[in-house]
Every structure is written in C-alpha cells, then in structure tokens.
Amino acid sequence: MRRRARIVSVAGLLCSITCVTILHTVRTDLSPLSHRLSEYAVGPYGWMMTAAFISLGCGVMALGIARWAEKRRDEGARIILATALLAAVGTILSGVFRTGASDISEAIHSRASAIAVVAVVALALACSVSLARRRPCAASDPVGAGLAVTAAALAVMSPVWHHTRWTGLSQRLLWIALITWLLRAAWERVPKLDEEAA
C-alpha cells in the first residue's frame, strides 16, 4: 500500500508540473511575473489548470496516506494524514472553483487555495524541521528542511506581494519550493520500500 500510494503521489505531482509547464508555453498572454497561476484556469486551456489543481491534490492525498501507512501507531502520523488531506481538499476545491468565475467561486477558490498552501507548508515543516526524536516523517533532511523553511518564508511574504506587479513571481517561487519538497517527500522512501519487499 505504501509503495503504491507513493507512486500515485509522484504521478499526480508530475502531472501537475507538466500541466503548469505546458500552460506557461501556450499562454504567452499571461506574464509569469505579474499573473498568478490560478489565472490560467480562465480562458483557453483552462481545463489544463483545473487538471493541475486536481492532480496536485491527489498527489498530496496519496503522500499523506503513504506517510500514515508507514507509522500507523505513531500519534503524529494521524496529524500528518489530516494535514495532507486538508491540503488535498483545499487544492482540489481551488481547481473546481475557478478564480474570476463569480464572487462566490472567487471567494471559495481564494480561501481553499490559502488553506491548501498553509497546510502543505505545515506538512513540510512538520516532516522536515521537527525537533522531536520520533517523527512520522523523514529522518534528518537538510535539503527538505531548507525547502520547507523557504516555502514558509515565501508563504508569509505572499500577502505582501499579492497586490504588486511581482505577485506571479512570488507565487511561482512558493509553488516551486512546495512542489520540490512534495516530490522529494513522495520519492525518498521508494527504494527503501523496495529493499524491504525483497
């Protein structure tokens, strides 16, 4: 189960990255410096941004399940799972409710997106920077910790940059830090699981 969940997680994350990369190529009308990722959901190829949100949510959910399955008896594992599920639901809702479609859709999208970011940052910090001896996540990982702290700093600065001409850049830097951490977290134990199965 753990190995399959990690494979689903990596597949979901890679699908999301692929969609966002393609959108940057085909939607040259939106400057990456000043336009947020959510704006790709409106207009041509909008379905691709929706797919990016949903596949990202599925990837985060699968990662939470994999982490929980590894340490089911650990109290922290349930918290990690709950945080991952919260992030996944927020991300999927962000895709279903598009920005700019209506006032209600915009409000749901914004709140769900904010909850998802906070939850993923919390997940990254809990797994990579925790000082506790027994953790439901990875062992000491300075790269993961660096990504988690960078993502947390970018998330804190995000509201400040939101209404500037650099809002797109700040969001993309945050997205890159989080997606890189998620991919590392999803991939890091797959070889070890293979060894255990042998």
Protein backbone atom coordinates (compact mmCIF):
# COMPACT_ATOMS: atom_id res chain seq x y z
CA MET A 1 0.00 0.00 0.00
CA ARG A 2 2.77 2.45 0.92
CA ARG A 3 4.66 1.91 -2.31
CA ARG A 4 1.51 2.25 -4.43
CA ALA A 5 0.50 5.42 -2.59
CA ARG A 6 3.94 6.92 -3.23
CA ILE A 7 3.74 6.02 -6.92
CA VAL A 8 0.30 7.67 -7.16
CA SER A 9 1.72 10.70 -5.34
CA VAL A 10 4.68 11.06 -7.72
CA ALA A 11 2.38 10.58 -10.74
CA GLY A 12 -0.06 13.25 -9.51
CA LEU A 13 2.72 15.73 -8.78
CA LEU A 14 4.40 15.14 -12.16
CA CYS A 15 1.06 15.54 -13.94
CA SER A 16 0.54 18.88 -12.18
CA ILE A 17 4.05 20.06 -13.08
CA THR A 18 3.53 19.02 -16.72
CA CYS A 19 0.23 20.91 -16.99
CA VAL A 20 1.68 24.09 -15.47
CA THR A 21 4.77 23.88 -17.70
CA ILE A 22 2.65 23.48 -20.84
CA LEU A 23 0.43 26.40 -19.78
CA HIS A 24 3.49 28.65 -19.50
CA THR A 25 4.29 27.74 -23.10
CA VAL A 26 0.82 28.08 -24.67
CA ARG A 27 -0.49 31.04 -22.65
CA THR A 28 2.08 33.68 -23.55
CA ASP A 29 -0.58 36.36 -22.97
CA LEU A 30 -0.11 35.95 -19.19
CA SER A 31 3.17 37.24 -17.82
CA PRO A 32 4.60 34.86 -15.19
CA LEU A 33 5.87 37.89 -13.26
CA SER A 34 2.52 39.58 -12.75
CA HIS A 35 -0.17 36.91 -13.24
CA ARG A 36 -0.96 34.23 -10.70
CA LEU A 37 -1.20 30.55 -11.62
CA SER A 38 -4.95 30.50 -10.98
CA GLU A 39 -5.46 32.89 -13.88
CA TYR A 40 -4.55 30.07 -16.28
CA ALA A 41 -7.89 28.45 -15.35
CA VAL A 42 -9.74 31.25 -17.15
CA GLY A 43 -9.76 31.31 -20.94
CA PRO A 44 -8.08 28.97 -23.40
CA TYR A 45 -6.70 25.74 -21.90
CA GLY A 46 -8.44 26.46 -18.60
CA TRP A 47 -9.17 22.76 -18.23
CA MET A 48 -5.43 22.15 -18.01
CA MET A 49 -5.07 24.35 -14.93
CA THR A 50 -8.05 22.58 -13.38
CA ALA A 51 -6.31 19.27 -14.10
CA ALA A 52 -3.12 20.65 -12.50
CA PHE A 53 -5.01 21.53 -9.30
CA ILE A 54 -6.81 18.18 -9.11
CA SER A 55 -3.73 16.08 -9.86
CA LEU A 56 -1.74 18.06 -7.28
CA GLY A 57 -4.47 17.44 -4.72
CA CYS A 58 -4.47 13.71 -5.49
CA GLY A 59 -0.66 13.65 -5.20
CA VAL A 60 -0.73 15.33 -1.79
CA MET A 61 -3.50 13.00 -0.59
CA ALA A 62 -1.55 9.91 -1.70
CA LEU A 63 1.58 11.22 0.04
CA GLY A 64 -0.37 11.66 3.28
CA ILE A 65 -1.69 8.11 3.03
CA ALA A 66 1.81 6.75 2.37
CA ARG A 67 3.26 8.61 5.36
CA TRP A 68 0.43 7.44 7.60
CA ALA A 69 0.82 3.82 6.46
CA GLU A 70 4.49 3.87 7.42
CA LYS A 71 3.90 4.82 11.06
CA ARG A 72 0.27 4.00 11.86
CA ARG A 73 0.89 3.61 15.57
CA ASP A 74 2.55 6.99 15.89
CA GLU A 75 0.22 9.78 17.08
CA GLY A 76 1.94 12.23 14.77
CA ALA A 77 1.11 10.08 11.74
CA ARG A 78 -2.60 10.87 12.14
CA ILE A 79 -1.82 14.58 12.27
CA ILE A 80 0.33 14.28 9.13
CA LEU A 81 -2.51 12.43 7.36
CA ALA A 82 -5.10 15.00 8.45
CA THR A 83 -2.88 17.88 7.30
CA ALA A 84 -2.26 16.22 3.93
CA LEU A 85 -5.98 15.55 3.45
CA LEU A 86 -6.79 19.18 4.32
CA ALA A 87 -4.21 20.37 1.79
CA ALA A 88 -5.57 17.97 -0.84
CA VAL A 89 -9.19 19.05 -0.37
CA GLY A 90 -8.17 22.72 -0.49
CA THR A 91 -6.19 22.18 -3.68
CA ILE A 92 -9.00 20.26 -5.40
CA LEU A 93 -11.56 22.90 -4.39
CA SER A 94 -9.22 25.54 -5.83
CA GLY A 95 -9.43 23.73 -9.16
CA VAL A 96 -13.17 23.17 -9.10
CA PHE A 97 -13.99 26.77 -8.16
CA ARG A 98 -12.19 28.94 -10.68
CA THR A 99 -10.92 32.40 -9.96
CA GLY A 100 -12.97 35.18 -11.54
CA ALA A 101 -15.95 32.96 -12.45
CA SER A 102 -18.24 34.64 -9.87
CA ASP A 103 -17.93 36.29 -6.48
CA ILE A 104 -18.79 33.04 -4.68
CA SER A 105 -16.44 30.99 -6.85
CA GLU A 106 -13.65 33.54 -6.30
CA ALA A 107 -14.18 33.50 -2.52
CA ILE A 108 -14.15 29.69 -2.33
CA HIS A 109 -11.12 29.49 -4.63
CA SER A 110 -9.15 32.05 -2.61
CA ARG A 111 -9.92 30.52 0.79
CA ALA A 112 -9.37 26.95 -0.37
CA SER A 113 -6.10 27.93 -2.02
CA ALA A 114 -4.88 29.71 1.13
CA ILE A 115 -5.81 26.73 3.32
CA ALA A 116 -4.01 24.36 0.93
CA VAL A 117 -0.81 26.44 0.97
CA VAL A 118 -0.80 26.75 4.77
CA ALA A 119 -1.46 23.01 5.14
CA VAL A 120 1.33 21.99 2.72
CA VAL A 121 3.77 24.39 4.39
CA ALA A 122 2.78 22.95 7.80
CA LEU A 123 3.25 19.43 6.42
CA ALA A 124 6.69 20.30 5.06
CA LEU A 125 7.77 21.93 8.31
CA ALA A 126 6.42 19.07 10.45
CA CYS A 127 8.19 16.47 8.36
CA SER A 128 11.47 18.26 7.74
CA VAL A 129 12.13 20.61 10.63
CA SER A 130 10.59 18.77 13.58
CA LEU A 131 12.86 18.61 16.60
CA ALA A 132 11.08 15.60 18.07
CA ARG A 133 13.03 12.35 18.26
CA ARG A 134 10.21 10.19 16.97
CA ARG A 135 8.73 11.64 13.82
CA PRO A 136 6.22 10.11 11.41
CA CYS A 137 8.17 11.60 8.54
CA ALA A 138 11.66 11.51 7.14
CA ALA A 139 14.89 11.35 9.09
CA SER A 140 17.11 14.42 9.25
CA ASP A 141 16.99 16.03 5.81
CA PRO A 142 18.75 19.41 5.48
CA VAL A 143 17.59 19.88 1.87
CA GLY A 144 13.99 19.13 2.80
CA ALA A 145 14.27 21.44 5.81
CA GLY A 146 15.69 24.20 3.61
CA LEU A 147 12.82 23.83 1.14
CA ALA A 148 10.27 23.82 3.97
CA VAL A 149 11.70 26.95 5.61
CA THR A 150 11.96 28.71 2.23
CA ALA A 151 8.33 27.83 1.44
CA ALA A 152 7.23 29.09 4.87
CA ALA A 153 9.06 32.41 4.35
CA LEU A 154 7.56 32.81 0.86
CA ALA A 155 4.08 31.99 2.19
CA VAL A 156 4.44 34.64 4.91
CA MET A 157 5.52 37.20 2.29
CA SER A 158 2.80 36.21 -0.20
CA PRO A 159 0.10 38.61 1.10
CA VAL A 160 2.59 41.48 0.90
CA TRP A 161 3.40 40.71 -2.75
CA HIS A 162 -0.19 39.85 -3.71
CA HIS A 163 -1.12 43.32 -4.98
CA THR A 164 2.19 44.16 -6.62
CA ARG A 165 3.44 43.59 -10.14
CA TRP A 166 5.59 40.71 -8.78
CA THR A 167 2.67 38.65 -7.47
CA GLY A 168 3.12 35.99 -10.17
CA LEU A 169 6.83 35.61 -9.48
CA SER A 170 6.34 35.29 -5.72
CA GLN A 171 3.64 32.66 -6.18
CA ARG A 172 5.74 30.65 -8.63
CA LEU A 173 8.72 30.66 -6.28
CA LEU A 174 6.45 29.39 -3.50
CA TRP A 175 4.95 26.75 -5.83
CA ILE A 176 8.41 25.57 -6.92
CA ALA A 177 9.60 25.25 -3.30
CA LEU A 178 6.49 23.30 -2.28
CA ILE A 179 6.30 21.03 -5.33
CA THR A 180 10.00 20.22 -5.00
CA TRP A 181 9.52 19.34 -1.33
CA LEU A 182 6.46 17.21 -2.16
CA LEU A 183 8.30 15.32 -4.90
CA ARG A 184 11.27 14.64 -2.62
CA ALA A 185 8.94 13.51 0.16
CA ALA A 186 7.00 11.21 -2.18
CA TRP A 187 10.10 9.74 -3.78
CA GLU A 188 12.53 9.46 -0.87
CA ARG A 189 11.42 6.14 0.59
CA VAL A 190 10.51 4.21 -2.55
CA PRO A 191 13.95 2.49 -2.82
CA LYS A 192 13.87 1.56 0.87
CA LEU A 193 10.42 0.05 0.46
CA ASP A 194 11.72 -1.98 -2.47
CA GLU A 195 14.52 -3.32 -0.27
CA GLU A 196 12.04 -4.25 2.49
CA ALA A 197 9.87 -6.14 0.00
CA ALA A 198 12.86 -8.14 -1.31
